[in-house]
Amino acid sequence: FNIDIKTDAAAEPTARAIRDQRATARVLVTSFNEQRR
């Protein structure tokens, strides 16, 4: 999964979902916003 995080508020829920599914090794996370990335 290539995941574009659209808002600051979505950052931590996105990380939590990835951790809970033990999916860190099979995702790429990104954002147009550098601080959010």
ModelCIF file with pLDDT and N, C-alpha, C, O atoms, coordinates in Angstrom:
data_MODEL
#
_entry.id   MODEL 
#
_entity.id                         1 
_entity.type                       polymer 
_entity.pdbx_number_of_molecules   1 
#
_entity_poly.entity_id                      1 
_entity_poly.type                           'polypeptide(L)' 
_entity_poly.nstd_linkage                   no 
_entity_poly.nstd_monomer                   no 
_entity_poly.pdbx_seq_one_letter_code       FNIDIKTDAAAEPTARAIRDQRATARVLVTSFNEQRR 
_entity_poly.pdbx_seq_one_letter_code_can   FNIDIKTDAAAEPTARAIRDQRATARVLVTSFNEQRR 
_entity_poly.pdbx_strand_id                 A 
#
loop_
_entity_poly_seq.entity_id 
_entity_poly_seq.num 
_entity_poly_seq.mon_id 
_entity_poly_seq.hetero 
1 1  PHE n 
1 2  ASN n 
1 3  ILE n 
1 4  ASP n 
1 5  ILE n 
1 6  LYS n 
1 7  THR n 
1 8  ASP n 
1 9  ALA n 
1 10 ALA n 
1 11 ALA n 
1 12 GLU n 
1 13 PRO n 
1 14 THR n 
1 15 ALA n 
1 16 ARG n 
1 17 ALA n 
1 18 ILE n 
1 19 ARG n 
1 20 ASP n 
1 21 GLN n 
1 22 ARG n 
1 23 ALA n 
1 24 THR n 
1 25 ALA n 
1 26 ARG n 
1 27 VAL n 
1 28 LEU n 
1 29 VAL n 
1 30 THR n 
1 31 SER n 
1 32 PHE n 
1 33 ASN n 
1 34 GLU n 
1 35 GLN n 
1 36 ARG n 
1 37 ARG n 
#
_struct_asym.id          A 
_struct_asym.entity_id   1 
#
loop_
_ma_qa_metric.id 
_ma_qa_metric.mode 
_ma_qa_metric.name 
_ma_qa_metric.software_group_id 
_ma_qa_metric.type 
1 global pLDDT . pLDDT 
2 local  pLDDT . pLDDT 
#
_ma_qa_metric_global.metric_id      1 
_ma_qa_metric_global.metric_value   97.92 
_ma_qa_metric_global.model_id       1 
_ma_qa_metric_global.ordinal_id     1 
#
loop_
_ma_qa_metric_local.label_asym_id 
_ma_qa_metric_local.label_comp_id 
_ma_qa_metric_local.label_seq_id 
_ma_qa_metric_local.metric_id 
_ma_qa_metric_local.metric_value 
_ma_qa_metric_local.model_id 
_ma_qa_metric_local.ordinal_id 
A PHE 1  2 98.00 1 1  
A ASN 2  2 98.00 1 2  
A ILE 3  2 98.00 1 3  
A ASP 4  2 98.00 1 4  
A ILE 5  2 98.00 1 5  
A LYS 6  2 98.00 1 6  
A THR 7  2 98.00 1 7  
A ASP 8  2 98.00 1 8  
A ALA 9  2 98.00 1 9  
A ALA 10 2 98.00 1 10 
A ALA 11 2 98.00 1 11 
A GLU 12 2 98.00 1 12 
A PRO 13 2 98.00 1 13 
A THR 14 2 98.00 1 14 
A ALA 15 2 98.00 1 15 
A ARG 16 2 98.00 1 16 
A ALA 17 2 98.00 1 17 
A ILE 18 2 98.00 1 18 
A ARG 19 2 98.00 1 19 
A ASP 20 2 98.00 1 20 
A GLN 21 2 98.00 1 21 
A ARG 22 2 97.00 1 22 
A ALA 23 2 98.00 1 23 
A THR 24 2 98.00 1 24 
A ALA 25 2 97.00 1 25 
A ARG 26 2 98.00 1 26 
A VAL 27 2 98.00 1 27 
A LEU 28 2 98.00 1 28 
A VAL 29 2 98.00 1 29 
A THR 30 2 98.00 1 30 
A SER 31 2 98.00 1 31 
A PHE 32 2 97.00 1 32 
A ASN 33 2 98.00 1 33 
A GLU 34 2 98.00 1 34 
A GLN 35 2 98.00 1 35 
A ARG 36 2 98.00 1 36 
A ARG 37 2 98.00 1 37 
#
loop_
_atom_site.group_PDB 
_atom_site.id 
_atom_site.type_symbol 
_atom_site.label_atom_id 
_atom_site.label_alt_id 
_atom_site.label_comp_id 
_atom_site.label_asym_id 
_atom_site.label_entity_id 
_atom_site.label_seq_id 
_atom_site.pdbx_PDB_ins_code 
_atom_site.Cartn_x 
_atom_site.Cartn_y 
_atom_site.Cartn_z 
_atom_site.occupancy 
_atom_site.B_iso_or_equiv 
_atom_site.pdbx_formal_charge 
_atom_site.auth_seq_id 
_atom_site.auth_comp_id 
_atom_site.auth_asym_id 
_atom_site.auth_atom_id 
_atom_site.pdbx_PDB_model_num 
ATOM 1   N N  . PHE A 1 1  ? 0.829  -1.208 0.000  1.00 98.00 ? 1  PHE A N  1 
ATOM 2   C CA . PHE A 1 1  ? 0.000  0.000  0.000  1.00 98.00 ? 1  PHE A CA 1 
ATOM 3   C C  . PHE A 1 1  ? 0.862  1.256  0.000  1.00 98.00 ? 1  PHE A C  1 
ATOM 4   O O  . PHE A 1 1  ? 1.762  1.406  0.827  1.00 98.00 ? 1  PHE A O  1 
ATOM 5   N N  . ASN A 1 2  ? 0.578  2.153  -0.933 1.00 98.00 ? 2  ASN A N  1 
ATOM 6   C CA . ASN A 1 2  ? 1.189  3.478  -1.010 1.00 98.00 ? 2  ASN A CA 1 
ATOM 7   C C  . ASN A 1 2  ? 0.162  4.454  -0.434 1.00 98.00 ? 2  ASN A C  1 
ATOM 8   O O  . ASN A 1 2  ? -0.877 4.687  -1.052 1.00 98.00 ? 2  ASN A O  1 
ATOM 9   N N  . ILE A 1 3  ? 0.437  5.026  0.734  1.00 98.00 ? 3  ILE A N  1 
ATOM 10  C CA . ILE A 1 3  ? -0.591 5.740  1.497  1.00 98.00 ? 3  ILE A CA 1 
ATOM 11  C C  . ILE A 1 3  ? -0.268 7.229  1.585  1.00 98.00 ? 3  ILE A C  1 
ATOM 12  O O  . ILE A 1 3  ? 0.750  7.627  2.152  1.00 98.00 ? 3  ILE A O  1 
ATOM 13  N N  . ASP A 1 4  ? -1.155 8.044  1.013  1.00 98.00 ? 4  ASP A N  1 
ATOM 14  C CA . ASP A 1 4  ? -1.026 9.499  1.053  1.00 98.00 ? 4  ASP A CA 1 
ATOM 15  C C  . ASP A 1 4  ? -1.904 10.020 2.192  1.00 98.00 ? 4  ASP A C  1 
ATOM 16  O O  . ASP A 1 4  ? -3.126 9.879  2.159  1.00 98.00 ? 4  ASP A O  1 
ATOM 17  N N  . ILE A 1 5  ? -1.271 10.621 3.194  1.00 98.00 ? 5  ILE A N  1 
ATOM 18  C CA . ILE A 1 5  ? -1.987 11.099 4.377  1.00 98.00 ? 5  ILE A CA 1 
ATOM 19  C C  . ILE A 1 5  ? -2.414 12.543 4.117  1.00 98.00 ? 5  ILE A C  1 
ATOM 20  O O  . ILE A 1 5  ? -1.577 13.427 3.938  1.00 98.00 ? 5  ILE A O  1 
ATOM 21  N N  . LYS A 1 6  ? -3.721 12.765 4.099  1.00 98.00 ? 6  LYS A N  1 
ATOM 22  C CA . LYS A 1 6  ? -4.262 14.016 3.593  1.00 98.00 ? 6  LYS A CA 1 
ATOM 23  C C  . LYS A 1 6  ? -4.349 15.142 4.614  1.00 98.00 ? 6  LYS A C  1 
ATOM 24  O O  . LYS A 1 6  ? -4.353 16.313 4.237  1.00 98.00 ? 6  LYS A O  1 
ATOM 25  N N  . THR A 1 7  ? -4.419 14.809 5.898  1.00 98.00 ? 7  THR A N  1 
ATOM 26  C CA . THR A 1 7  ? -4.552 15.855 6.912  1.00 98.00 ? 7  THR A CA 1 
ATOM 27  C C  . THR A 1 7  ? -3.662 15.547 8.106  1.00 98.00 ? 7  THR A C  1 
ATOM 28  O O  . THR A 1 7  ? -3.268 14.401 8.324  1.00 98.00 ? 7  THR A O  1 
ATOM 29  N N  . ASP A 1 8  ? -3.353 16.576 8.871  1.00 98.00 ? 8  ASP A N  1 
ATOM 30  C CA . ASP A 1 8  ? -2.563 16.374 10.082 1.00 98.00 ? 8  ASP A CA 1 
ATOM 31  C C  . ASP A 1 8  ? -3.291 15.439 11.055 1.00 98.00 ? 8  ASP A C  1 
ATOM 32  O O  . ASP A 1 8  ? -2.673 14.591 11.698 1.00 98.00 ? 8  ASP A O  1 
ATOM 33  N N  . ALA A 1 9  ? -4.603 15.607 11.150 1.00 98.00 ? 9  ALA A N  1 
ATOM 34  C CA . ALA A 1 9  ? -5.373 14.800 12.100 1.00 98.00 ? 9  ALA A CA 1 
ATOM 35  C C  . ALA A 1 9  ? -5.368 13.319 11.745 1.00 98.00 ? 9  ALA A C  1 
ATOM 36  O O  . ALA A 1 9  ? -5.599 12.473 12.609 1.00 98.00 ? 9  ALA A O  1 
ATOM 37  N N  . ALA A 1 10 ? -5.104 13.001 10.478 1.00 98.00 ? 10 ALA A N  1 
ATOM 38  C CA . ALA A 1 10 ? -5.094 11.602 10.044 1.00 98.00 ? 10 ALA A CA 1 
ATOM 39  C C  . ALA A 1 10 ? -3.770 10.909 10.305 1.00 98.00 ? 10 ALA A C  1 
ATOM 40  O O  . ALA A 1 10 ? -3.675 9.691  10.152 1.00 98.00 ? 10 ALA A O  1 
ATOM 41  N N  . ALA A 1 11 ? -2.738 11.659 10.699 1.00 98.00 ? 11 ALA A N  1 
ATOM 42  C CA . ALA A 1 11 ? -1.392 11.089 10.821 1.00 98.00 ? 11 ALA A CA 1 
ATOM 43  C C  . ALA A 1 11 ? -1.329 9.988  11.863 1.00 98.00 ? 11 ALA A C  1 
ATOM 44  O O  . ALA A 1 11 ? -0.926 8.867  11.552 1.00 98.00 ? 11 ALA A O  1 
ATOM 45  N N  . GLU A 1 12 ? -1.715 10.283 13.082 1.00 98.00 ? 12 GLU A N  1 
ATOM 46  C CA . GLU A 1 12 ? -1.600 9.291  14.142 1.00 98.00 ? 12 GLU A CA 1 
ATOM 47  C C  . GLU A 1 12 ? -2.566 8.121  13.952 1.00 98.00 ? 12 GLU A C  1 
ATOM 48  O O  . GLU A 1 12 ? -2.166 6.981  14.190 1.00 98.00 ? 12 GLU A O  1 
ATOM 49  N N  . PRO A 1 13 ? -3.821 8.341  13.535 1.00 98.00 ? 13 PRO A N  1 
ATOM 50  C CA . PRO A 1 13 ? -4.685 7.194  13.244 1.00 98.00 ? 13 PRO A CA 1 
ATOM 51  C C  . PRO A 1 13 ? -4.133 6.299  12.138 1.00 98.00 ? 13 PRO A C  1 
ATOM 52  O O  . PRO A 1 13 ? -4.299 5.080  12.183 1.00 98.00 ? 13 PRO A O  1 
ATOM 53  N N  . THR A 1 14 ? -3.480 6.900  11.146 1.00 98.00 ? 14 THR A N  1 
ATOM 54  C CA . THR A 1 14 ? -2.875 6.097  10.084 1.00 98.00 ? 14 THR A CA 1 
ATOM 55  C C  . THR A 1 14 ? -1.760 5.228  10.633 1.00 98.00 ? 14 THR A C  1 
ATOM 56  O O  . THR A 1 14 ? -1.698 4.032  10.346 1.00 98.00 ? 14 THR A O  1 
ATOM 57  N N  . ALA A 1 15 ? -0.879 5.824  11.422 1.00 98.00 ? 15 ALA A N  1 
ATOM 58  C CA . ALA A 1 15 ? 0.214  5.059  12.018 1.00 98.00 ? 15 ALA A CA 1 
ATOM 59  C C  . ALA A 1 15 ? -0.327 3.954  12.918 1.00 98.00 ? 15 ALA A C  1 
ATOM 60  O O  . ALA A 1 15 ? 0.209  2.846  12.928 1.00 98.00 ? 15 ALA A O  1 
ATOM 61  N N  . ARG A 1 16 ? -1.369 4.243  13.663 1.00 98.00 ? 16 ARG A N  1 
ATOM 62  C CA . ARG A 1 16 ? -1.950 3.242  14.555 1.00 98.00 ? 16 ARG A CA 1 
ATOM 63  C C  . ARG A 1 16 ? -2.508 2.061  13.760 1.00 98.00 ? 16 ARG A C  1 
ATOM 64  O O  . ARG A 1 16 ? -2.297 0.907  14.133 1.00 98.00 ? 16 ARG A O  1 
ATOM 65  N N  . ALA A 1 17 ? -3.221 2.345  12.666 1.00 98.00 ? 17 ALA A N  1 
ATOM 66  C CA . ALA A 1 17 ? -3.781 1.273  11.848 1.00 98.00 ? 17 ALA A CA 1 
ATOM 67  C C  . ALA A 1 17 ? -2.684 0.392  11.269 1.00 98.00 ? 17 ALA A C  1 
ATOM 68  O O  . ALA A 1 17 ? -2.817 -0.831 11.243 1.00 98.00 ? 17 ALA A O  1 
ATOM 69  N N  . ILE A 1 18 ? -1.602 1.006  10.805 1.00 98.00 ? 18 ILE A N  1 
ATOM 70  C CA . ILE A 1 18 ? -0.488 0.251  10.226 1.00 98.00 ? 18 ILE A CA 1 
ATOM 71  C C  . ILE A 1 18 ? 0.181  -0.619 11.294 1.00 98.00 ? 18 ILE A C  1 
ATOM 72  O O  . ILE A 1 18 ? 0.486  -1.787 11.054 1.00 98.00 ? 18 ILE A O  1 
ATOM 73  N N  . ARG A 1 19 ? 0.404  -0.040 12.463 1.00 98.00 ? 19 ARG A N  1 
ATOM 74  C CA . ARG A 1 19 ? 0.998  -0.825 13.555 1.00 98.00 ? 19 ARG A CA 1 
ATOM 75  C C  . ARG A 1 19 ? 0.085  -1.974 13.971 1.00 98.00 ? 19 ARG A C  1 
ATOM 76  O O  . ARG A 1 19 ? 0.544  -3.103 14.147 1.00 98.00 ? 19 ARG A O  1 
ATOM 77  N N  . ASP A 1 20 ? -1.201 -1.692 14.129 1.00 98.00 ? 20 ASP A N  1 
ATOM 78  C CA . ASP A 1 20 ? -2.136 -2.722 14.588 1.00 98.00 ? 20 ASP A CA 1 
ATOM 79  C C  . ASP A 1 20 ? -2.217 -3.891 13.625 1.00 98.00 ? 20 ASP A C  1 
ATOM 80  O O  . ASP A 1 20 ? -2.431 -5.030 14.039 1.00 98.00 ? 20 ASP A O  1 
ATOM 81  N N  . GLN A 1 21 ? -2.046 -3.609 12.338 1.00 98.00 ? 21 GLN A N  1 
ATOM 82  C CA . GLN A 1 21 ? -2.095 -4.668 11.323 1.00 98.00 ? 21 GLN A CA 1 
ATOM 83  C C  . GLN A 1 21 ? -0.711 -5.237 11.023 1.00 98.00 ? 21 GLN A C  1 
ATOM 84  O O  . GLN A 1 21 ? -0.558 -6.084 10.142 1.00 98.00 ? 21 GLN A O  1 
ATOM 85  N N  . ARG A 1 22 ? 0.284  -4.772 11.755 1.00 97.00 ? 22 ARG A N  1 
ATOM 86  C CA . ARG A 1 22 ? 1.664  -5.226 11.554 1.00 97.00 ? 22 ARG A CA 1 
ATOM 87  C C  . ARG A 1 22 ? 2.057  -5.122 10.074 1.00 97.00 ? 22 ARG A C  1 
ATOM 88  O O  . ARG A 1 22 ? 2.609  -6.052 9.486  1.00 97.00 ? 22 ARG A O  1 
ATOM 89  N N  . ALA A 1 23 ? 1.757  -3.971 9.508  1.00 98.00 ? 23 ALA A N  1 
ATOM 90  C CA . ALA A 1 23 ? 1.925  -3.777 8.067  1.00 98.00 ? 23 ALA A CA 1 
ATOM 91  C C  . ALA A 1 23 ? 3.049  -2.820 7.706  1.00 98.00 ? 23 ALA A C  1 
ATOM 92  O O  . ALA A 1 23 ? 3.174  -2.432 6.545  1.00 98.00 ? 23 ALA A O  1 
ATOM 93  N N  . THR A 1 24 ? 3.870  -2.431 8.676  1.00 98.00 ? 24 THR A N  1 
ATOM 94  C CA . THR A 1 24 ? 4.910  -1.439 8.413  1.00 98.00 ? 24 THR A CA 1 
ATOM 95  C C  . THR A 1 24 ? 5.810  -1.821 7.246  1.00 98.00 ? 24 THR A C  1 
ATOM 96  O O  . THR A 1 24 ? 6.209  -0.957 6.464  1.00 98.00 ? 24 THR A O  1 
ATOM 97  N N  . ALA A 1 25 ? 6.132  -3.095 7.121  1.00 97.00 ? 25 ALA A N  1 
ATOM 98  C CA . ALA A 1 25 ? 7.072  -3.530 6.088  1.00 97.00 ? 25 ALA A CA 1 
ATOM 99  C C  . ALA A 1 25 ? 6.484  -3.503 4.687  1.00 97.00 ? 25 ALA A C  1 
ATOM 100 O O  . ALA A 1 25 ? 7.228  -3.594 3.711  1.00 97.00 ? 25 ALA A O  1 
ATOM 101 N N  . ARG A 1 26 ? 5.163  -3.380 4.563  1.00 98.00 ? 26 ARG A N  1 
ATOM 102 C CA . ARG A 1 26 ? 4.555  -3.454 3.227  1.00 98.00 ? 26 ARG A CA 1 
ATOM 103 C C  . ARG A 1 26 ? 3.802  -2.183 2.846  1.00 98.00 ? 26 ARG A C  1 
ATOM 104 O O  . ARG A 1 26 ? 2.947  -2.195 1.960  1.00 98.00 ? 26 ARG A O  1 
ATOM 105 N N  . VAL A 1 27 ? 4.130  -1.094 3.523  1.00 98.00 ? 27 VAL A N  1 
ATOM 106 C CA . VAL A 1 27 ? 3.520  0.174  3.152  1.00 98.00 ? 27 VAL A CA 1 
ATOM 107 C C  . VAL A 1 27 ? 4.600  1.217  2.894  1.00 98.00 ? 27 VAL A C  1 
ATOM 108 O O  . VAL A 1 27 ? 5.726  1.112  3.381  1.00 98.00 ? 27 VAL A O  1 
ATOM 109 N N  . LEU A 1 28 ? 4.225  2.220  2.118  1.00 98.00 ? 28 LEU A N  1 
ATOM 110 C CA . LEU A 1 28 ? 4.976  3.454  1.990  1.00 98.00 ? 28 LEU A CA 1 
ATOM 111 C C  . LEU A 1 28 ? 4.036  4.554  2.439  1.00 98.00 ? 28 LEU A C  1 
ATOM 112 O O  . LEU A 1 28 ? 2.887  4.606  2.000  1.00 98.00 ? 28 LEU A O  1 
ATOM 113 N N  . VAL A 1 29 ? 4.509  5.433  3.309  1.00 98.00 ? 29 VAL A N  1 
ATOM 114 C CA . VAL A 1 29 ? 3.695  6.556  3.760  1.00 98.00 ? 29 VAL A CA 1 
ATOM 115 C C  . VAL A 1 29 ? 4.267  7.841  3.180  1.00 98.00 ? 29 VAL A C  1 
ATOM 116 O O  . VAL A 1 29 ? 5.481  8.012  3.069  1.00 98.00 ? 29 VAL A O  1 
ATOM 117 N N  . THR A 1 30 ? 3.369  8.728  2.818  1.00 98.00 ? 30 THR A N  1 
ATOM 118 C CA . THR A 1 30 ? 3.817  9.982  2.235  1.00 98.00 ? 30 THR A CA 1 
ATOM 119 C C  . THR A 1 30 ? 2.769  11.051 2.452  1.00 98.00 ? 30 THR A C  1 
ATOM 120 O O  . THR A 1 30 ? 1.658  10.773 2.906  1.00 98.00 ? 30 THR A O  1 
ATOM 121 N N  . SER A 1 31 ? 3.138  12.280 2.122  1.00 98.00 ? 31 SER A N  1 
ATOM 122 C CA . SER A 1 31 ? 2.226  13.410 2.189  1.00 98.00 ? 31 SER A CA 1 
ATOM 123 C C  . SER A 1 31 ? 2.834  14.541 1.375  1.00 98.00 ? 31 SER A C  1 
ATOM 124 O O  . SER A 1 31 ? 4.055  14.623 1.241  1.00 98.00 ? 31 SER A O  1 
ATOM 125 N N  . PHE A 1 32 ? 2.000  15.407 0.836  1.00 97.00 ? 32 PHE A N  1 
ATOM 126 C CA . PHE A 1 32 ? 2.519  16.605 0.193  1.00 97.00 ? 32 PHE A CA 1 
ATOM 127 C C  . PHE A 1 32 ? 3.165  17.524 1.225  1.00 97.00 ? 32 PHE A C  1 
ATOM 128 O O  . PHE A 1 32 ? 4.030  18.334 0.891  1.00 97.00 ? 32 PHE A O  1 
ATOM 129 N N  . ASN A 1 33 ? 2.742  17.394 2.476  1.00 98.00 ? 33 ASN A N  1 
ATOM 130 C CA . ASN A 1 33 ? 3.230  18.232 3.565  1.00 98.00 ? 33 ASN A CA 1 
ATOM 131 C C  . ASN A 1 33 ? 4.423  17.565 4.239  1.00 98.00 ? 33 ASN A C  1 
ATOM 132 O O  . ASN A 1 33 ? 4.311  16.428 4.697  1.00 98.00 ? 33 ASN A O  1 
ATOM 133 N N  . GLU A 1 34 ? 5.567  18.252 4.309  1.00 98.00 ? 34 GLU A N  1 
ATOM 134 C CA . GLU A 1 34 ? 6.784  17.644 4.849  1.00 98.00 ? 34 GLU A CA 1 
ATOM 135 C C  . GLU A 1 34 ? 6.696  17.383 6.346  1.00 98.00 ? 34 GLU A C  1 
ATOM 136 O O  . GLU A 1 34 ? 7.141  16.335 6.815  1.00 98.00 ? 34 GLU A O  1 
ATOM 137 N N  . GLN A 1 35 ? 6.135  18.310 7.098  1.00 98.00 ? 35 GLN A N  1 
ATOM 138 C CA . GLN A 1 35 ? 6.019  18.098 8.536  1.00 98.00 ? 35 GLN A CA 1 
ATOM 139 C C  . GLN A 1 35 ? 5.157  16.878 8.837  1.00 98.00 ? 35 GLN A C  1 
ATOM 140 O O  . GLN A 1 35 ? 5.476  16.086 9.723  1.00 98.00 ? 35 GLN A O  1 
ATOM 141 N N  . ARG A 1 36 ? 4.071  16.732 8.099  1.00 98.00 ? 36 ARG A N  1 
ATOM 142 C CA . ARG A 1 36 ? 3.179  15.577 8.287  1.00 98.00 ? 36 ARG A CA 1 
ATOM 143 C C  . ARG A 1 36 ? 3.880  14.286 7.911  1.00 98.00 ? 36 ARG A C  1 
ATOM 144 O O  . ARG A 1 36 ? 3.759  13.283 8.613  1.00 98.00 ? 36 ARG A O  1 
ATOM 145 N N  . ARG A 1 37 ? 4.615  14.305 6.804  1.00 98.00 ? 37 ARG A N  1 
ATOM 146 C CA . ARG A 1 37 ? 5.355  13.104 6.383  1.00 98.00 ? 37 ARG A CA 1 
ATOM 147 C C  . ARG A 1 37 ? 6.345  12.692 7.465  1.00 98.00 ? 37 ARG A C  1 
ATOM 148 O O  . ARG A 1 37 ? 7.062  11.705 7.302  1.00 98.00 ? 37 ARG A O  1 
#
